[in-house]
Amino acid sequence: MEWVIAIGLTIVLAAALPRAIVAAKKSVRGNRRMAGVALSIGLAFSFLHDPRKQEVIENIAKRESDDADRDHQSGL
């Protein structure tokens, strides 16, 4: 489910990026806004594609799988 959200967010950001760039180039104030847009995009990608977070999620899934196997073997 998370990968669907990540793909959707990536598509929305990719679609909105050209409009944001054009709008930001029109004014000096827009240059500041463009820095904020770039920072926001960077934070979004770092949140979605954080390798440490992914490793933790995999470890939790493995533990749950191991616990389920252990419970199944013990007859619970």
PDB file of N, CA and C in Angstrom:
ATOM      1  N   MET A   1       0.818  -1.201   0.000  1.00  0.00           N
ATOM      2  CA  MET A   1       0.000   0.000   0.000  1.00  0.00           C
ATOM      3  C   MET A   1       0.864   1.268   0.000  1.00  0.00           C
ATOM      4  N   GLU A   2       1.975   1.211   0.739  1.00  0.00           N
ATOM      5  CA  GLU A   2       2.832   2.396   0.815  1.00  0.00           C
ATOM      6  C   GLU A   2       3.433   2.741  -0.539  1.00  0.00           C
ATOM      7  N   TRP A   3       3.738   1.730  -1.334  1.00  0.00           N
ATOM      8  CA  TRP A   3       4.349   1.986  -2.630  1.00  0.00           C
ATOM      9  C   TRP A   3       3.380   2.666  -3.569  1.00  0.00           C
ATOM     10  N   VAL A   4       2.073   2.413  -3.406  1.00  0.00           N
ATOM     11  CA  VAL A   4       1.072   3.082  -4.235  1.00  0.00           C
ATOM     12  C   VAL A   4       1.042   4.571  -3.901  1.00  0.00           C
ATOM     13  N   ILE A   5       1.110   4.878  -2.615  1.00  0.00           N
ATOM     14  CA  ILE A   5       1.123   6.275  -2.176  1.00  0.00           C
ATOM     15  C   ILE A   5       2.386   6.960  -2.684  1.00  0.00           C
ATOM     16  N   ALA A   6       3.519   6.273  -2.598  1.00  0.00           N
ATOM     17  CA  ALA A   6       4.784   6.853  -3.057  1.00  0.00           C
ATOM     18  C   ALA A   6       4.746   7.140  -4.559  1.00  0.00           C
ATOM     19  N   ILE A   7       4.215   6.207  -5.331  1.00  0.00           N
ATOM     20  CA  ILE A   7       4.114   6.415  -6.773  1.00  0.00           C
ATOM     21  C   ILE A   7       3.165   7.569  -7.085  1.00  0.00           C
ATOM     22  N   GLY A   8       2.030   7.612  -6.404  1.00  0.00           N
ATOM     23  CA  GLY A   8       1.073   8.694  -6.627  1.00  0.00           C
ATOM     24  C   GLY A   8       1.652  10.051  -6.287  1.00  0.00           C
ATOM     25  N   LEU A   9       2.350  10.128  -5.161  1.00  0.00           N
ATOM     26  CA  LEU A   9       2.969  11.389  -4.754  1.00  0.00           C
ATOM     27  C   LEU A   9       4.046  11.810  -5.750  1.00  0.00           C
ATOM     28  N   THR A  10       4.811  10.870  -6.256  1.00  0.00           N
ATOM     29  CA  THR A  10       5.840  11.172  -7.242  1.00  0.00           C
ATOM     30  C   THR A  10       5.230  11.720  -8.523  1.00  0.00           C
ATOM     31  N   ILE A  11       4.130  11.126  -8.965  1.00  0.00           N
ATOM     32  CA  ILE A  11       3.460  11.596 -10.182  1.00  0.00           C
ATOM     33  C   ILE A  11       2.902  13.004  -9.985  1.00  0.00           C
ATOM     34  N   VAL A  12       2.290  13.247  -8.838  1.00  0.00           N
ATOM     35  CA  VAL A  12       1.733  14.581  -8.560  1.00  0.00           C
ATOM     36  C   VAL A  12       2.844  15.626  -8.519  1.00  0.00           C
ATOM     37  N   LEU A  13       3.942  15.307  -7.837  1.00  0.00           N
ATOM     38  CA  LEU A  13       5.051  16.260  -7.764  1.00  0.00           C
ATOM     39  C   LEU A  13       5.678  16.498  -9.139  1.00  0.00           C
ATOM     40  N   ALA A  14       5.824  15.438  -9.915  1.00  0.00           N
ATOM     41  CA  ALA A  14       6.394  15.594 -11.255  1.00  0.00           C
ATOM     42  C   ALA A  14       5.485  16.440 -12.145  1.00  0.00           C
ATOM     43  N   ALA A  15       4.182  16.312 -11.975  1.00  0.00           N
ATOM     44  CA  ALA A  15       3.241  17.104 -12.771  1.00  0.00           C
ATOM     45  C   ALA A  15       3.232  18.569 -12.334  1.00  0.00           C
ATOM     46  N   ALA A  16       3.423  18.808 -11.048  1.00  0.00           N
ATOM     47  CA  ALA A  16       3.369  20.181 -10.529  1.00  0.00           C
ATOM     48  C   ALA A  16       4.700  20.916 -10.668  1.00  0.00           C
ATOM     49  N   LEU A  17       5.770  20.207 -10.835  1.00  0.00           N
ATOM     50  CA  LEU A  17       7.091  20.839 -10.859  1.00  0.00           C
ATOM     51  C   LEU A  17       7.289  21.838 -11.999  1.00  0.00           C
ATOM     52  N   PRO A  18       6.921  21.540 -13.245  1.00  0.00           N
ATOM     53  CA  PRO A  18       7.131  22.532 -14.310  1.00  0.00           C
ATOM     54  C   PRO A  18       6.386  23.850 -14.060  1.00  0.00           C
ATOM     55  N   ARG A  19       5.171  23.761 -13.578  1.00  0.00           N
ATOM     56  CA  ARG A  19       4.400  24.975 -13.284  1.00  0.00           C
ATOM     57  C   ARG A  19       5.065  25.772 -12.167  1.00  0.00           C
ATOM     58  N   ALA A  20       5.581  25.098 -11.164  1.00  0.00           N
ATOM     59  CA  ALA A  20       6.249  25.787 -10.058  1.00  0.00           C
ATOM     60  C   ALA A  20       7.529  26.470 -10.538  1.00  0.00           C
ATOM     61  N   ILE A  21       8.250  25.825 -11.430  1.00  0.00           N
ATOM     62  CA  ILE A  21       9.486  26.417 -11.944  1.00  0.00           C
ATOM     63  C   ILE A  21       9.192  27.674 -12.758  1.00  0.00           C
ATOM     64  N   VAL A  22       8.201  27.604 -13.629  1.00  0.00           N
ATOM     65  CA  VAL A  22       7.839  28.769 -14.448  1.00  0.00           C
ATOM     66  C   VAL A  22       7.368  29.917 -13.566  1.00  0.00           C
ATOM     67  N   ALA A  23       6.550  29.624 -12.579  1.00  0.00           N
ATOM     68  CA  ALA A  23       6.048  30.671 -11.686  1.00  0.00           C
ATOM     69  C   ALA A  23       7.180  31.276 -10.860  1.00  0.00           C
ATOM     70  N   ALA A  24       8.132  30.451 -10.457  1.00  0.00           N
ATOM     71  CA  ALA A  24       9.220  30.942  -9.621  1.00  0.00           C
ATOM     72  C   ALA A  24      10.184  31.825 -10.405  1.00  0.00           C
ATOM     73  N   LYS A  25      10.340  31.601 -11.684  1.00  0.00           N
ATOM     74  CA  LYS A  25      11.271  32.386 -12.493  1.00  0.00           C
ATOM     75  C   LYS A  25      10.767  33.799 -12.760  1.00  0.00           C
ATOM     76  N   LYS A  26       9.496  34.057 -12.543  1.00  0.00           N
ATOM     77  CA  LYS A  26       8.921  35.348 -12.898  1.00  0.00           C
ATOM     78  C   LYS A  26       9.229  36.455 -11.905  1.00  0.00           C
ATOM     79  N   SER A  27       9.673  36.135 -10.716  1.00  0.00           N
ATOM     80  CA  SER A  27       9.919  37.190  -9.741  1.00  0.00           C
ATOM     81  C   SER A  27      11.077  36.818  -8.816  1.00  0.00           C
ATOM     82  N   VAL A  28      11.622  37.839  -8.176  1.00  0.00           N
ATOM     83  CA  VAL A  28      12.685  37.606  -7.197  1.00  0.00           C
ATOM     84  C   VAL A  28      12.114  36.859  -6.005  1.00  0.00           C
ATOM     85  N   ARG A  29      10.927  37.239  -5.626  1.00  0.00           N
ATOM     86  CA  ARG A  29      10.269  36.553  -4.514  1.00  0.00           C
ATOM     87  C   ARG A  29      10.056  35.081  -4.870  1.00  0.00           C
ATOM     88  N   GLY A  30       9.820  34.827  -6.126  1.00  0.00           N
ATOM     89  CA  GLY A  30       9.636  33.451  -6.581  1.00  0.00           C
ATOM     90  C   GLY A  30      10.888  32.619  -6.415  1.00  0.00           C
ATOM     91  N   ASN A  31      12.056  33.260  -6.485  1.00  0.00           N
ATOM     92  CA  ASN A  31      13.296  32.519  -6.283  1.00  0.00           C
ATOM     93  C   ASN A  31      13.364  31.933  -4.880  1.00  0.00           C
ATOM     94  N   ARG A  32      12.884  32.690  -3.912  1.00  0.00           N
ATOM     95  CA  ARG A  32      12.826  32.173  -2.546  1.00  0.00           C
ATOM     96  C   ARG A  32      11.838  31.025  -2.460  1.00  0.00           C
ATOM     97  N   ARG A  33      10.720  31.190  -3.156  1.00  0.00           N
ATOM     98  CA  ARG A  33       9.701  30.146  -3.153  1.00  0.00           C
ATOM     99  C   ARG A  33      10.246  28.882  -3.817  1.00  0.00           C
ATOM    100  N   MET A  34      11.040  29.072  -4.875  1.00  0.00           N
ATOM    101  CA  MET A  34      11.611  27.925  -5.577  1.00  0.00           C
ATOM    102  C   MET A  34      12.549  27.149  -4.666  1.00  0.00           C
ATOM    103  N   ALA A  35      13.286  27.847  -3.821  1.00  0.00           N
ATOM    104  CA  ALA A  35      14.149  27.166  -2.859  1.00  0.00           C
ATOM    105  C   ALA A  35      13.298  26.325  -1.907  1.00  0.00           C
ATOM    106  N   GLY A  36      12.160  26.854  -1.509  1.00  0.00           N
ATOM    107  CA  GLY A  36      11.254  26.102  -0.643  1.00  0.00           C
ATOM    108  C   GLY A  36      10.675  24.888  -1.345  1.00  0.00           C
ATOM    109  N   VAL A  37      10.372  25.047  -2.631  1.00  0.00           N
ATOM    110  CA  VAL A  37       9.846  23.918  -3.412  1.00  0.00           C
ATOM    111  C   VAL A  37      10.906  22.830  -3.513  1.00  0.00           C
ATOM    112  N   ALA A  38      12.130  23.215  -3.812  1.00  0.00           N
ATOM    113  CA  ALA A  38      13.212  22.238  -3.937  1.00  0.00           C
ATOM    114  C   ALA A  38      13.456  21.524  -2.607  1.00  0.00           C
ATOM    115  N   LEU A  39      13.415  22.266  -1.525  1.00  0.00           N
ATOM    116  CA  LEU A  39      13.592  21.675  -0.201  1.00  0.00           C
ATOM    117  C   LEU A  39      12.464  20.708   0.113  1.00  0.00           C
ATOM    118  N   SER A  40      11.240  21.088  -0.212  1.00  0.00           N
ATOM    119  CA  SER A  40      10.090  20.218   0.042  1.00  0.00           C
ATOM    120  C   SER A  40      10.181  18.924  -0.758  1.00  0.00           C
ATOM    121  N   ILE A  41      10.581  19.037  -2.008  1.00  0.00           N
ATOM    122  CA  ILE A  41      10.724  17.836  -2.842  1.00  0.00           C
ATOM    123  C   ILE A  41      11.819  16.938  -2.280  1.00  0.00           C
ATOM    124  N   GLY A  42      12.916  17.523  -1.879  1.00  0.00           N
ATOM    125  CA  GLY A  42      13.999  16.730  -1.294  1.00  0.00           C
ATOM    126  C   GLY A  42      13.574  16.020  -0.022  1.00  0.00           C
ATOM    127  N   LEU A  43      12.851  16.723   0.832  1.00  0.00           N
ATOM    128  CA  LEU A  43      12.370  16.100   2.062  1.00  0.00           C
ATOM    129  C   LEU A  43      11.382  14.980   1.781  1.00  0.00           C
ATOM    130  N   ALA A  44      10.503  15.192   0.800  1.00  0.00           N
ATOM    131  CA  ALA A  44       9.523  14.163   0.456  1.00  0.00           C
ATOM    132  C   ALA A  44      10.222  12.898  -0.045  1.00  0.00           C
ATOM    133  N   PHE A  45      11.202  13.061  -0.930  1.00  0.00           N
ATOM    134  CA  PHE A  45      11.909  11.885  -1.431  1.00  0.00           C
ATOM    135  C   PHE A  45      12.743  11.218  -0.352  1.00  0.00           C
ATOM    136  N   SER A  46      13.347  12.000   0.523  1.00  0.00           N
ATOM    137  CA  SER A  46      14.144  11.390   1.591  1.00  0.00           C
ATOM    138  C   SER A  46      13.246  10.637   2.567  1.00  0.00           C
ATOM    139  N   PHE A  47      12.039  11.131   2.783  1.00  0.00           N
ATOM    140  CA  PHE A  47      11.102  10.440   3.670  1.00  0.00           C
ATOM    141  C   PHE A  47      10.611   9.150   3.027  1.00  0.00           C
ATOM    142  N   LEU A  48      10.313   9.206   1.723  1.00  0.00           N
ATOM    143  CA  LEU A  48       9.759   8.038   1.050  1.00  0.00           C
ATOM    144  C   LEU A  48      10.804   6.972   0.747  1.00  0.00           C
ATOM    145  N   HIS A  49      12.034   7.371   0.514  1.00  0.00           N
ATOM    146  CA  HIS A  49      13.054   6.435   0.068  1.00  0.00           C
ATOM    147  C   HIS A  49      14.193   6.309   1.067  1.00  0.00           C
ATOM    148  N   ASP A  50      13.875   6.393   2.344  1.00  0.00           N
ATOM    149  CA  ASP A  50      14.889   6.290   3.385  1.00  0.00           C
ATOM    150  C   ASP A  50      15.300   4.828   3.552  1.00  0.00           C
ATOM    151  N   PRO A  51      16.556   4.481   3.270  1.00  0.00           N
ATOM    152  CA  PRO A  51      16.975   3.084   3.364  1.00  0.00           C
ATOM    153  C   PRO A  51      16.896   2.530   4.785  1.00  0.00           C
ATOM    154  N   ARG A  52      17.185   3.366   5.778  1.00  0.00           N
ATOM    155  CA  ARG A  52      17.111   2.877   7.164  1.00  0.00           C
ATOM    156  C   ARG A  52      15.676   2.546   7.537  1.00  0.00           C
ATOM    157  N   LYS A  53      14.745   3.376   7.116  1.00  0.00           N
ATOM    158  CA  LYS A  53      13.337   3.114   7.397  1.00  0.00           C
ATOM    159  C   LYS A  53      12.907   1.810   6.730  1.00  0.00           C
ATOM    160  N   GLN A  54      13.343   1.619   5.500  1.00  0.00           N
ATOM    161  CA  GLN A  54      13.000   0.406   4.764  1.00  0.00           C
ATOM    162  C   GLN A  54      13.573  -0.824   5.466  1.00  0.00           C
ATOM    163  N   GLU A  55      14.789  -0.714   5.985  1.00  0.00           N
ATOM    164  CA  GLU A  55      15.411  -1.828   6.692  1.00  0.00           C
ATOM    165  C   GLU A  55      14.634  -2.169   7.966  1.00  0.00           C
ATOM    166  N   VAL A  56      14.198  -1.156   8.692  1.00  0.00           N
ATOM    167  CA  VAL A  56      13.421  -1.379   9.906  1.00  0.00           C
ATOM    168  C   VAL A  56      12.104  -2.074   9.571  1.00  0.00           C
ATOM    169  N   ILE A  57      11.446  -1.622   8.509  1.00  0.00           N
ATOM    170  CA  ILE A  57      10.182  -2.232   8.102  1.00  0.00           C
ATOM    171  C   ILE A  57      10.392  -3.698   7.741  1.00  0.00           C
ATOM    172  N   GLU A  58      11.479  -4.001   7.035  1.00  0.00           N
ATOM    173  CA  GLU A  58      11.772  -5.386   6.676  1.00  0.00           C
ATOM    174  C   GLU A  58      12.057  -6.230   7.911  1.00  0.00           C
ATOM    175  N   ASN A  59      12.786  -5.677   8.879  1.00  0.00           N
ATOM    176  CA  ASN A  59      13.077  -6.413  10.112  1.00  0.00           C
ATOM    177  C   ASN A  59      11.803  -6.710  10.894  1.00  0.00           C
ATOM    178  N   ILE A  60      10.909  -5.749  10.963  1.00  0.00           N
ATOM    179  CA  ILE A  60       9.646  -5.952  11.675  1.00  0.00           C
ATOM    180  C   ILE A  60       8.820  -7.023  10.980  1.00  0.00           C
ATOM    181  N   ALA A  61       8.764  -6.965   9.655  1.00  0.00           N
ATOM    182  CA  ALA A  61       8.002  -7.972   8.909  1.00  0.00           C
ATOM    183  C   ALA A  61       8.610  -9.361   9.115  1.00  0.00           C
ATOM    184  N   LYS A  62       9.928  -9.440   9.145  1.00  0.00           N
ATOM    185  CA  LYS A  62      10.592 -10.733   9.359  1.00  0.00           C
ATOM    186  C   LYS A  62      10.286 -11.256  10.760  1.00  0.00           C
ATOM    187  N   ARG A  63      10.332 -10.391  11.766  1.00  0.00           N
ATOM    188  CA  ARG A  63      10.018 -10.820  13.136  1.00  0.00           C
ATOM    189  C   ARG A  63       8.588 -11.333  13.229  1.00  0.00           C
ATOM    190  N   GLU A  64       7.657 -10.602  12.621  1.00  0.00           N
ATOM    191  CA  GLU A  64       6.257 -11.033  12.654  1.00  0.00           C
ATOM    192  C   GLU A  64       6.094 -12.377  11.959  1.00  0.00           C
ATOM    193  N   SER A  65       6.790 -12.563  10.851  1.00  0.00           N
ATOM    194  CA  SER A  65       6.733 -13.836  10.126  1.00  0.00           C
ATOM    195  C   SER A  65       7.319 -14.960  10.979  1.00  0.00           C
ATOM    196  N   ASP A  66       8.458 -14.690  11.613  1.00  0.00           N
ATOM    197  CA  ASP A  66       9.084 -15.691  12.479  1.00  0.00           C
ATOM    198  C   ASP A  66       8.180 -16.030  13.662  1.00  0.00           C
ATOM    199  N   ASP A  67       7.560 -15.019  14.257  1.00  0.00           N
ATOM    200  CA  ASP A  67       6.639 -15.252  15.373  1.00  0.00           C
ATOM    201  C   ASP A  67       5.441 -16.085  14.936  1.00  0.00           C
ATOM    202  N   ALA A  68       4.916 -15.802  13.768  1.00  0.00           N
ATOM    203  CA  ALA A  68       3.776 -16.561  13.255  1.00  0.00           C
ATOM    204  C   ALA A  68       4.176 -18.007  12.992  1.00  0.00           C
ATOM    205  N   ASP A  69       5.371 -18.223  12.456  1.00  0.00           N
ATOM    206  CA  ASP A  69       5.851 -19.589  12.214  1.00  0.00           C
ATOM    207  C   ASP A  69       6.038 -20.331  13.526  1.00  0.00           C
ATOM    208  N   ARG A  70       6.613 -19.668  14.501  1.00  0.00           N
ATOM    209  CA  ARG A  70       6.832 -20.274  15.815  1.00  0.00           C
ATOM    210  C   ARG A  70       5.511 -20.642  16.478  1.00  0.00           C
ATOM    211  N   ASP A  71       4.517 -19.740  16.378  1.00  0.00           N
ATOM    212  CA  ASP A  71       3.212 -20.013  16.958  1.00  0.00           C
ATOM    213  C   ASP A  71       2.540 -21.191  16.236  1.00  0.00           C
ATOM    214  N   HIS A  72       2.705 -21.252  14.938  1.00  0.00           N
ATOM    215  CA  HIS A  72       2.106 -22.324  14.154  1.00  0.00           C
ATOM    216  C   HIS A  72       2.749 -23.671  14.512  1.00  0.00           C
ATOM    217  N   GLN A  73       4.066 -23.659  14.704  1.00  0.00           N
ATOM    218  CA  GLN A  73       4.777 -24.900  15.042  1.00  0.00           C
ATOM    219  C   GLN A  73       4.440 -25.361  16.446  1.00  0.00           C
ATOM    220  N   SER A  74       4.208 -24.434  17.358  1.00  0.00           N
ATOM    221  CA  SER A  74       3.892 -24.828  18.734  1.00  0.00           C
ATOM    222  C   SER A  74       2.426 -25.201  18.903  1.00  0.00           C
ATOM    223  N   GLY A  75       1.620 -24.958  17.871  1.00  0.00           N
ATOM    224  CA  GLY A  75       0.236 -25.367  17.920  1.00  0.00           C
ATOM    225  C   GLY A  75      -0.716 -24.328  18.495  1.00  0.00           C
ATOM    226  N   LEU A  76      -0.292 -23.102  18.575  1.00  0.00           N
ATOM    227  CA  LEU A  76      -1.174 -22.049  19.109  1.00  0.00           C
ATOM    228  C   LEU A  76      -2.035 -21.463  18.057  1.00  0.00           C
TER     229      LEU A  76
END
